């Protein structure tokens, strides 16, 4: 079993999730689903009704993304790959950015009536025909789905302006959350193929083409709590656990995030054309 990131054959079985084997590269610490396991249909996972219930949480998250774009971007042309229901792109558009989105699977309801160009294509198809360049490319919860991360990152170079930035968010399988819960929701082996470590990112973004601007971890409390809820068989054990865990968590979470144990990676790289 060869690692697609660093090409090492030093890989071992890491764990089994819902009968699906997950391997870990011992060199770069990339974890990945056994390539022989086929993907399953996941349409049932993406419900707009359920998304709307958490809209305020996502708006808060994407307002922070807006501030990152303002801080690091040197232009206003944005491409969001896998925009989902389009909430992030709607916020960017309303703040003066010229936004294109790729979303082949769900309807981007939040983009209705906005001057946003929507492409119902997968990234691999899109990149073959495009000549337009972007100042910002956003991949939120996308990199874990692709067939070949190395190829996907190389393809980004075809679409980025010099000094353009890439913003990536992806689950952190080495997080405290993933270690504490019995069934970490972000394994999602029906469709997720890869789970990254900080080391494996270094193989994706080499120093020749890329400069790292930000690398952090975080998670939002509702996500952590929802994952923890699956650990308990009764309300009493849950209440006792949360009585000590909640103060401990909020006291130490910034420290945990700083040392790379948040549930999500959030990273930004700038393209440096040689």
C-alpha atoms as a PDB file:
ATOM      1  CA  UNK A   1       0.000   0.000   0.000  1.00  0.00           C
ATOM      2  CA  UNK A   2       1.750   3.173  -1.200  1.00  0.00           C
ATOM      3  CA  UNK A   3       1.128   6.656   0.184  1.00  0.00           C
ATOM      4  CA  UNK A   4      -0.047   8.971  -2.620  1.00  0.00           C
ATOM      5  CA  UNK A   5       1.474  11.999  -0.930  1.00  0.00           C
ATOM      6  CA  UNK A   6       5.073  11.072  -0.105  1.00  0.00           C
ATOM      7  CA  UNK A   7       5.188   7.787  -2.094  1.00  0.00           C
ATOM      8  CA  UNK A   8       6.387   5.758   0.892  1.00  0.00           C
ATOM      9  CA  UNK A   9       5.361   2.119   1.160  1.00  0.00           C
ATOM     10  CA  UNK A  10       5.821   2.212   4.918  1.00  0.00           C
ATOM     11  CA  UNK A  11       2.101   2.159   5.707  1.00  0.00           C
ATOM     12  CA  UNK A  12       0.169   0.360   8.441  1.00  0.00           C
ATOM     13  CA  UNK A  13      -3.446  -0.293   9.329  1.00  0.00           C
ATOM     14  CA  UNK A  14      -4.504   2.609  11.561  1.00  0.00           C
ATOM     15  CA  UNK A  15      -8.082   1.661  12.399  1.00  0.00           C
ATOM     16  CA  UNK A  16     -11.296   0.216  10.963  1.00  0.00           C
ATOM     17  CA  UNK A  17     -14.377   2.431  10.700  1.00  0.00           C
ATOM     18  CA  UNK A  18     -17.674   0.750   9.823  1.00  0.00           C
ATOM     19  CA  UNK A  19     -15.756  -2.225   8.355  1.00  0.00           C
ATOM     20  CA  UNK A  20     -13.645   0.132   6.176  1.00  0.00           C
ATOM     21  CA  UNK A  21      -9.860  -0.092   6.722  1.00  0.00           C
ATOM     22  CA  UNK A  22      -7.966   3.169   7.184  1.00  0.00           C
ATOM     23  CA  UNK A  23      -4.194   3.095   6.725  1.00  0.00           C
ATOM     24  CA  UNK A  24      -1.572   5.528   7.978  1.00  0.00           C
ATOM     25  CA  UNK A  25       1.692   6.426   6.266  1.00  0.00           C
ATOM     26  CA  UNK A  26       4.494   6.144   8.810  1.00  0.00           C
ATOM     27  CA  UNK A  27       6.560   8.794   7.012  1.00  0.00           C
ATOM     28  CA  UNK A  28       4.193  11.742   6.441  1.00  0.00           C
ATOM     29  CA  UNK A  29       1.330  10.599   8.720  1.00  0.00           C
ATOM     30  CA  UNK A  30      -1.296  10.832   5.998  1.00  0.00           C
ATOM     31  CA  UNK A  31      -4.235   8.547   6.776  1.00  0.00           C
ATOM     32  CA  UNK A  32      -6.273   7.170   3.897  1.00  0.00           C
ATOM     33  CA  UNK A  33      -9.119   4.808   3.122  1.00  0.00           C
ATOM     34  CA  UNK A  34      -8.181   1.530   1.476  1.00  0.00           C
ATOM     35  CA  UNK A  35      -8.262   2.448  -2.264  1.00  0.00           C
ATOM     36  CA  UNK A  36     -10.128  -0.755  -3.084  1.00  0.00           C
ATOM     37  CA  UNK A  37     -13.167   0.427  -1.090  1.00  0.00           C
ATOM     38  CA  UNK A  38     -15.705   2.076  -3.396  1.00  0.00           C
ATOM     39  CA  UNK A  39     -17.538   5.260  -2.507  1.00  0.00           C
ATOM     40  CA  UNK A  40     -21.164   5.171  -1.420  1.00  0.00           C
ATOM     41  CA  UNK A  41     -23.967   7.597  -2.214  1.00  0.00           C
ATOM     42  CA  UNK A  42     -24.031  10.494   0.245  1.00  0.00           C
ATOM     43  CA  UNK A  43     -26.905  12.662  -0.973  1.00  0.00           C
ATOM     44  CA  UNK A  44     -28.801  11.970   2.253  1.00  0.00           C
ATOM     45  CA  UNK A  45     -26.053  13.673   4.287  1.00  0.00           C
ATOM     46  CA  UNK A  46     -26.487  17.095   2.662  1.00  0.00           C
ATOM     47  CA  UNK A  47     -29.844  18.442   3.849  1.00  0.00           C
ATOM     48  CA  UNK A  48     -30.589  22.146   3.401  1.00  0.00           C
ATOM     49  CA  UNK A  49     -33.225  21.965   6.158  1.00  0.00           C
ATOM     50  CA  UNK A  50     -30.602  20.724   8.645  1.00  0.00           C
ATOM     51  CA  UNK A  51     -28.056  23.236   7.366  1.00  0.00           C
ATOM     52  CA  UNK A  52     -30.479  26.105   7.980  1.00  0.00           C
ATOM     53  CA  UNK A  53     -30.754  25.100  11.628  1.00  0.00           C
ATOM     54  CA  UNK A  54     -27.020  25.808  11.995  1.00  0.00           C
ATOM     55  CA  UNK A  55     -26.957  28.891   9.793  1.00  0.00           C
ATOM     56  CA  UNK A  56     -25.907  31.276  12.583  1.00  0.00           C
ATOM     57  CA  UNK A  57     -22.915  29.045  13.415  1.00  0.00           C
ATOM     58  CA  UNK A  58     -21.811  28.968   9.779  1.00  0.00           C
ATOM     59  CA  UNK A  59     -22.293  32.717   9.307  1.00  0.00           C
ATOM     60  CA  UNK A  60     -19.991  33.328  12.270  1.00  0.00           C
ATOM     61  CA  UNK A  61     -17.397  30.963  10.783  1.00  0.00           C
ATOM     62  CA  UNK A  62     -17.546  32.542   7.346  1.00  0.00           C
ATOM     63  CA  UNK A  63     -17.317  36.083   8.677  1.00  0.00           C
ATOM     64  CA  UNK A  64     -13.922  35.034  10.029  1.00  0.00           C
ATOM     65  CA  UNK A  65     -13.051  33.668   6.588  1.00  0.00           C
ATOM     66  CA  UNK A  66     -14.007  37.015   5.081  1.00  0.00           C
ATOM     67  CA  UNK A  67     -11.530  38.721   7.404  1.00  0.00           C
ATOM     68  CA  UNK A  68      -8.806  36.284   6.330  1.00  0.00           C
ATOM     69  CA  UNK A  69      -9.503  37.018   2.665  1.00  0.00           C
ATOM     70  CA  UNK A  70      -9.309  40.750   3.343  1.00  0.00           C
ATOM     71  CA  UNK A  71      -6.071  40.291   5.259  1.00  0.00           C
ATOM     72  CA  UNK A  72      -4.160  38.077   2.837  1.00  0.00           C
ATOM     73  CA  UNK A  73      -5.662  38.572  -0.628  1.00  0.00           C
ATOM     74  CA  UNK A  74      -4.168  41.044  -3.138  1.00  0.00           C
ATOM     75  CA  UNK A  75      -7.148  40.906  -5.483  1.00  0.00           C
ATOM     76  CA  UNK A  76     -10.892  40.403  -5.650  1.00  0.00           C
ATOM     77  CA  UNK A  77     -11.444  37.406  -7.957  1.00  0.00           C
ATOM     78  CA  UNK A  78     -12.491  34.371  -5.913  1.00  0.00           C
ATOM     79  CA  UNK A  79     -13.181  30.750  -6.808  1.00  0.00           C
ATOM     80  CA  UNK A  80     -14.850  28.515  -4.243  1.00  0.00           C
ATOM     81  CA  UNK A  81     -14.531  24.817  -5.054  1.00  0.00           C
ATOM     82  CA  UNK A  82     -17.366  22.759  -3.627  1.00  0.00           C
ATOM     83  CA  UNK A  83     -19.465  25.697  -2.461  1.00  0.00           C
ATOM     84  CA  UNK A  84     -22.307  23.584  -1.121  1.00  0.00           C
ATOM     85  CA  UNK A  85     -25.364  25.711  -0.419  1.00  0.00           C
ATOM     86  CA  UNK A  86     -23.300  28.828  -1.167  1.00  0.00           C
ATOM     87  CA  UNK A  87     -23.364  30.657   2.162  1.00  0.00           C
ATOM     88  CA  UNK A  88     -19.656  31.555   2.197  1.00  0.00           C
ATOM     89  CA  UNK A  89     -19.688  32.742  -1.416  1.00  0.00           C
ATOM     90  CA  UNK A  90     -22.797  34.823  -0.742  1.00  0.00           C
ATOM     91  CA  UNK A  91     -20.991  36.641   2.083  1.00  0.00           C
ATOM     92  CA  UNK A  92     -17.966  37.277  -0.135  1.00  0.00           C
ATOM     93  CA  UNK A  93     -20.131  38.503  -3.008  1.00  0.00           C
ATOM     94  CA  UNK A  94     -22.041  40.904  -0.762  1.00  0.00           C
ATOM     95  CA  UNK A  95     -18.705  42.312   0.365  1.00  0.00           C
ATOM     96  CA  UNK A  96     -17.583  43.254  -3.124  1.00  0.00           C
ATOM     97  CA  UNK A  97     -15.705  40.163  -4.306  1.00  0.00           C
ATOM     98  CA  UNK A  98     -16.196  38.752  -7.820  1.00  0.00           C
ATOM     99  CA  UNK A  99     -17.039  35.144  -7.077  1.00  0.00           C
ATOM    100  CA  UNK A 100     -17.212  31.996  -9.202  1.00  0.00           C
ATOM    101  CA  UNK A 101     -18.249  28.700  -7.621  1.00  0.00           C
ATOM    102  CA  UNK A 102     -18.038  25.022  -8.478  1.00  0.00           C
ATOM    103  CA  UNK A 103     -20.908  22.984  -7.098  1.00  0.00           C
ATOM    104  CA  UNK A 104     -22.001  19.882  -9.006  1.00  0.00           C
ATOM    105  CA  UNK A 105     -24.009  18.089  -6.300  1.00  0.00           C
ATOM    106  CA  UNK A 106     -26.367  20.427  -4.411  1.00  0.00           C
ATOM    107  CA  UNK A 107     -28.306  23.609  -5.127  1.00  0.00           C
ATOM    108  CA  UNK A 108     -26.499  26.770  -3.889  1.00  0.00           C
ATOM    109  CA  UNK A 109     -29.660  28.387  -2.486  1.00  0.00           C
ATOM    110  CA  UNK A 110     -27.835  31.310  -0.861  1.00  0.00           C
ATOM    111  CA  UNK A 111     -26.544  32.499  -4.242  1.00  0.00           C
ATOM    112  CA  UNK A 112     -29.948  33.109  -5.803  1.00  0.00           C
ATOM    113  CA  UNK A 113     -30.140  36.653  -7.136  1.00  0.00           C
ATOM    114  CA  UNK A 114     -26.441  37.369  -6.585  1.00  0.00           C
ATOM    115  CA  UNK A 115     -23.909  38.146  -9.366  1.00  0.00           C
ATOM    116  CA  UNK A 116     -22.088  34.844  -8.839  1.00  0.00           C
ATOM    117  CA  UNK A 117     -21.163  32.520 -11.708  1.00  0.00           C
ATOM    118  CA  UNK A 118     -22.098  28.921 -10.849  1.00  0.00           C
ATOM    119  CA  UNK A 119     -20.441  25.967 -12.580  1.00  0.00           C
ATOM    120  CA  UNK A 120     -22.061  22.569 -12.054  1.00  0.00           C
ATOM    121  CA  UNK A 121     -18.796  20.750 -12.730  1.00  0.00           C
ATOM    122  CA  UNK A 122     -16.259  18.791 -10.765  1.00  0.00           C
ATOM    123  CA  UNK A 123     -12.858  20.412 -10.389  1.00  0.00           C
ATOM    124  CA  UNK A 124     -11.108  17.944 -12.707  1.00  0.00           C
ATOM    125  CA  UNK A 125     -13.441  18.883 -15.585  1.00  0.00           C
ATOM    126  CA  UNK A 126     -13.397  22.600 -14.812  1.00  0.00           C
ATOM    127  CA  UNK A 127      -9.628  23.015 -14.797  1.00  0.00           C
ATOM    128  CA  UNK A 128      -9.227  21.517 -18.296  1.00  0.00           C
ATOM    129  CA  UNK A 129     -11.121  24.336 -20.006  1.00  0.00           C
ATOM    130  CA  UNK A 130     -10.502  27.416 -17.877  1.00  0.00           C
ATOM    131  CA  UNK A 131      -8.132  30.232 -18.712  1.00  0.00           C
ATOM    132  CA  UNK A 132      -9.392  32.670 -16.073  1.00  0.00           C
ATOM    133  CA  UNK A 133      -7.082  33.305 -13.127  1.00  0.00           C
ATOM    134  CA  UNK A 134      -8.125  33.896  -9.534  1.00  0.00           C
ATOM    135  CA  UNK A 135      -6.671  35.782  -6.595  1.00  0.00           C
ATOM    136  CA  UNK A 136      -8.279  33.487  -4.027  1.00  0.00           C
ATOM    137  CA  UNK A 137      -9.259  29.815  -4.260  1.00  0.00           C
ATOM    138  CA  UNK A 138     -11.173  28.307  -1.343  1.00  0.00           C
ATOM    139  CA  UNK A 139     -11.517  24.585  -0.616  1.00  0.00           C
ATOM    140  CA  UNK A 140     -13.564  24.073   2.537  1.00  0.00           C
ATOM    141  CA  UNK A 141     -14.061  20.397   3.380  1.00  0.00           C
ATOM    142  CA  UNK A 142     -13.035  19.340  -0.133  1.00  0.00           C
ATOM    143  CA  UNK A 143      -9.461  18.014  -0.070  1.00  0.00           C
ATOM    144  CA  UNK A 144     -10.489  14.901   1.867  1.00  0.00           C
ATOM    145  CA  UNK A 145     -12.819  13.931  -1.024  1.00  0.00           C
ATOM    146  CA  UNK A 146     -10.509  14.143  -4.048  1.00  0.00           C
ATOM    147  CA  UNK A 147      -9.047  11.148  -5.860  1.00  0.00           C
ATOM    148  CA  UNK A 148      -5.468  12.432  -5.878  1.00  0.00           C
ATOM    149  CA  UNK A 149      -4.497  15.377  -3.618  1.00  0.00           C
ATOM    150  CA  UNK A 150      -1.137  15.921  -5.343  1.00  0.00           C
ATOM    151  CA  UNK A 151      -2.811  16.346  -8.740  1.00  0.00           C
ATOM    152  CA  UNK A 152      -5.493  18.618  -7.267  1.00  0.00           C
ATOM    153  CA  UNK A 153      -2.930  20.978  -5.742  1.00  0.00           C
ATOM    154  CA  UNK A 154      -0.935  21.081  -8.979  1.00  0.00           C
ATOM    155  CA  UNK A 155      -4.114  21.957 -10.857  1.00  0.00           C
ATOM    156  CA  UNK A 156      -4.663  24.918  -8.553  1.00  0.00           C
ATOM    157  CA  UNK A 157      -1.488  26.439  -9.994  1.00  0.00           C
ATOM    158  CA  UNK A 158      -3.197  26.633 -13.386  1.00  0.00           C
ATOM    159  CA  UNK A 159      -5.940  28.839 -11.942  1.00  0.00           C
ATOM    160  CA  UNK A 160      -4.067  31.116  -9.549  1.00  0.00           C
ATOM    161  CA  UNK A 161      -2.693  34.555 -10.271  1.00  0.00           C
ATOM    162  CA  UNK A 162       0.864  35.188  -9.098  1.00  0.00           C
ATOM    163  CA  UNK A 163       0.606  36.011  -5.392  1.00  0.00           C
ATOM    164  CA  UNK A 164      -2.812  34.368  -5.301  1.00  0.00           C
ATOM    165  CA  UNK A 165      -3.786  32.456  -2.172  1.00  0.00           C
ATOM    166  CA  UNK A 166      -5.360  29.087  -1.431  1.00  0.00           C
ATOM    167  CA  UNK A 167      -7.477  28.669   1.704  1.00  0.00           C
ATOM    168  CA  UNK A 168      -8.086  25.098   2.838  1.00  0.00           C
ATOM    169  CA  UNK A 169     -10.129  23.605   5.636  1.00  0.00           C
ATOM    170  CA  UNK A 170     -10.118  19.863   6.257  1.00  0.00           C
ATOM    171  CA  UNK A 171     -10.715  17.540   9.244  1.00  0.00           C
ATOM    172  CA  UNK A 172      -7.823  16.822  11.612  1.00  0.00           C
ATOM    173  CA  UNK A 173      -7.805  13.121  12.444  1.00  0.00           C
ATOM    174  CA  UNK A 174      -5.062  13.731  15.031  1.00  0.00           C
ATOM    175  CA  UNK A 175      -7.300  16.110  16.998  1.00  0.00           C
ATOM    176  CA  UNK A 176      -8.421  15.733  20.596  1.00  0.00           C
ATOM    177  CA  UNK A 177     -11.967  15.378  19.281  1.00  0.00           C
ATOM    178  CA  UNK A 178     -11.084  12.406  17.072  1.00  0.00           C
ATOM    179  CA  UNK A 179      -9.279  10.734  20.000  1.00  0.00           C
ATOM    180  CA  UNK A 180     -12.048  11.215  22.570  1.00  0.00           C
ATOM    181  CA  UNK A 181     -15.159  10.163  20.686  1.00  0.00           C
ATOM    182  CA  UNK A 182     -16.217   6.617  19.846  1.00  0.00           C
ATOM    183  CA  UNK A 183     -17.364   7.403  16.317  1.00  0.00           C
ATOM    184  CA  UNK A 184     -15.795  10.619  15.033  1.00  0.00           C
ATOM    185  CA  UNK A 185     -18.296  12.089  12.546  1.00  0.00           C
ATOM    186  CA  UNK A 186     -15.620  13.348  10.166  1.00  0.00           C
ATOM    187  CA  UNK A 187     -14.274   9.899   9.340  1.00  0.00           C
ATOM    188  CA  UNK A 188     -17.268   9.692   6.980  1.00  0.00           C
ATOM    189  CA  UNK A 189     -15.684   6.789   5.107  1.00  0.00           C
ATOM    190  CA  UNK A 190     -18.592   6.710   2.639  1.00  0.00           C
ATOM    191  CA  UNK A 191     -16.937   9.567   0.775  1.00  0.00           C
ATOM    192  CA  UNK A 192     -13.790  10.820   2.560  1.00  0.00           C
ATOM    193  CA  UNK A 193     -10.616   9.335   1.082  1.00  0.00           C
ATOM    194  CA  UNK A 194      -7.822  11.204   2.916  1.00  0.00           C
ATOM    195  CA  UNK A 195      -7.115  12.535   6.403  1.00  0.00           C
ATOM    196  CA  UNK A 196      -4.233  14.950   6.707  1.00  0.00           C
ATOM    197  CA  UNK A 197      -1.486  15.735   9.185  1.00  0.00           C
ATOM    198  CA  UNK A 198       0.698  18.823   9.243  1.00  0.00           C
ATOM    199  CA  UNK A 199       3.553  16.687   7.867  1.00  0.00           C
ATOM    200  CA  UNK A 200       1.525  15.478   4.896  1.00  0.00           C
ATOM    201  CA  UNK A 201       0.599  19.050   3.971  1.00  0.00           C
ATOM    202  CA  UNK A 202       4.302  19.816   3.579  1.00  0.00           C
ATOM    203  CA  UNK A 203       4.455  17.312   0.711  1.00  0.00           C
ATOM    204  CA  UNK A 204       1.462  18.925  -1.008  1.00  0.00           C
ATOM    205  CA  UNK A 205       2.737  22.496  -0.788  1.00  0.00           C
ATOM    206  CA  UNK A 206       6.428  22.505  -1.607  1.00  0.00           C
ATOM    207  CA  UNK A 207       8.539  25.568  -0.878  1.00  0.00           C
ATOM    208  CA  UNK A 208       9.384  26.096  -4.544  1.00  0.00           C
ATOM    209  CA  UNK A 209       5.849  27.187  -5.464  1.00  0.00           C
ATOM    210  CA  UNK A 210       4.202  28.020  -2.165  1.00  0.00           C
ATOM    211  CA  UNK A 211       4.659  30.176   0.909  1.00  0.00           C
ATOM    212  CA  UNK A 212       2.706  29.221   4.015  1.00  0.00           C
ATOM    213  CA  UNK A 213       0.888  32.220   5.485  1.00  0.00           C
ATOM    214  CA  UNK A 214      -1.263  30.519   8.118  1.00  0.00           C
ATOM    215  CA  UNK A 215      -1.557  27.058   9.594  1.00  0.00           C
ATOM    216  CA  UNK A 216      -3.930  26.572  12.511  1.00  0.00           C
ATOM    217  CA  UNK A 217      -6.461  24.215  14.045  1.00  0.00           C
ATOM    218  CA  UNK A 218      -9.814  24.877  15.658  1.00  0.00           C
ATOM    219  CA  UNK A 219     -13.312  23.523  16.051  1.00  0.00           C
ATOM    220  CA  UNK A 220     -16.650  24.935  17.108  1.00  0.00           C
ATOM    221  CA  UNK A 221     -18.187  23.731  20.350  1.00  0.00           C
ATOM    222  CA  UNK A 222     -21.475  22.491  18.774  1.00  0.00           C
ATOM    223  CA  UNK A 223     -19.466  20.098  16.584  1.00  0.00           C
ATOM    224  CA  UNK A 224     -17.401  18.846  19.518  1.00  0.00           C
ATOM    225  CA  UNK A 225     -20.487  18.369  21.699  1.00  0.00           C
ATOM    226  CA  UNK A 226     -22.381  16.554  18.952  1.00  0.00           C
ATOM    227  CA  UNK A 227     -19.485  14.122  18.559  1.00  0.00           C
ATOM    228  CA  UNK A 228     -19.215  13.585  22.314  1.00  0.00           C
ATOM    229  CA  UNK A 229     -22.943  12.930  22.656  1.00  0.00           C
ATOM    230  CA  UNK A 230     -22.439   9.570  20.976  1.00  0.00           C
ATOM    231  CA  UNK A 231     -20.179   8.390  23.824  1.00  0.00           C
ATOM    232  CA  UNK A 232     -22.900   8.011  26.452  1.00  0.00           C
ATOM    233  CA  UNK A 233     -25.448   5.318  27.178  1.00  0.00           C
ATOM    234  CA  UNK A 234     -27.518   7.364  29.641  1.00  0.00           C
ATOM    235  CA  UNK A 235     -28.175  10.945  30.696  1.00  0.00           C
ATOM    236  CA  UNK A 236     -26.512  10.551  34.100  1.00  0.00           C
ATOM    237  CA  UNK A 237     -23.119   9.543  32.708  1.00  0.00           C
ATOM    238  CA  UNK A 238     -23.364  12.326  30.140  1.00  0.00           C
ATOM    239  CA  UNK A 239     -24.173  14.950  32.789  1.00  0.00           C
ATOM    240  CA  UNK A 240     -21.290  13.836  35.029  1.00  0.00           C
ATOM    241  CA  UNK A 241     -18.840  13.862  32.141  1.00  0.00           C
ATOM    242  CA  UNK A 242     -19.806  17.314  30.892  1.00  0.00           C
ATOM    243  CA  UNK A 243     -19.753  18.761  34.414  1.00  0.00           C
ATOM    244  CA  UNK A 244     -15.953  18.505  34.484  1.00  0.00           C
ATOM    245  CA  UNK A 245     -15.180  18.448  30.765  1.00  0.00           C
ATOM    246  CA  UNK A 246     -16.819  21.722  29.708  1.00  0.00           C
ATOM    247  CA  UNK A 247     -14.801  23.984  32.075  1.00  0.00           C
ATOM    248  CA  UNK A 248     -11.625  22.044  31.243  1.00  0.00           C
ATOM    249  CA  UNK A 249     -12.268  22.334  27.515  1.00  0.00           C
ATOM    250  CA  UNK A 250     -12.943  26.066  27.436  1.00  0.00           C
ATOM    251  CA  UNK A 251      -9.984  26.749  29.702  1.00  0.00           C
ATOM    252  CA  UNK A 252      -7.498  24.841  27.557  1.00  0.00           C
ATOM    253  CA  UNK A 253      -8.903  24.797  24.034  1.00  0.00           C
ATOM    254  CA  UNK A 254      -6.847  27.723  22.701  1.00  0.00           C
ATOM    255  CA  UNK A 255      -3.730  25.929  23.884  1.00  0.00           C
ATOM    256  CA  UNK A 256      -4.881  22.678  22.257  1.00  0.00           C
ATOM    257  CA  UNK A 257      -5.590  24.470  19.001  1.00  0.00           C
ATOM    258  CA  UNK A 258      -2.186  26.174  19.049  1.00  0.00           C
ATOM    259  CA  UNK A 259      -0.447  22.805  19.379  1.00  0.00           C
ATOM    260  CA  UNK A 260      -2.414  21.289  16.494  1.00  0.00           C
ATOM    261  CA  UNK A 261      -5.184  19.375  18.265  1.00  0.00           C
ATOM    262  CA  UNK A 262      -8.268  21.237  17.031  1.00  0.00           C
ATOM    263  CA  UNK A 263     -10.823  19.278  15.027  1.00  0.00           C
ATOM    264  CA  UNK A 264     -10.225  21.159  11.778  1.00  0.00           C
ATOM    265  CA  UNK A 265      -7.129  22.349   9.971  1.00  0.00           C
ATOM    266  CA  UNK A 266      -7.350  25.844   8.528  1.00  0.00           C
ATOM    267  CA  UNK A 267      -4.432  26.827   6.325  1.00  0.00           C
ATOM    268  CA  UNK A 268      -3.476  29.484   3.794  1.00  0.00           C
ATOM    269  CA  UNK A 269      -0.720  29.348   1.178  1.00  0.00           C
ATOM    270  CA  UNK A 270       0.419  31.970  -1.312  1.00  0.00           C
ATOM    271  CA  UNK A 271       1.502  31.037  -4.825  1.00  0.00           C
ATOM    272  CA  UNK A 272       5.013  32.280  -5.559  1.00  0.00           C
ATOM    273  CA  UNK A 273       5.707  31.996  -9.283  1.00  0.00           C
ATOM    274  CA  UNK A 274       9.373  31.211  -9.947  1.00  0.00           C
END
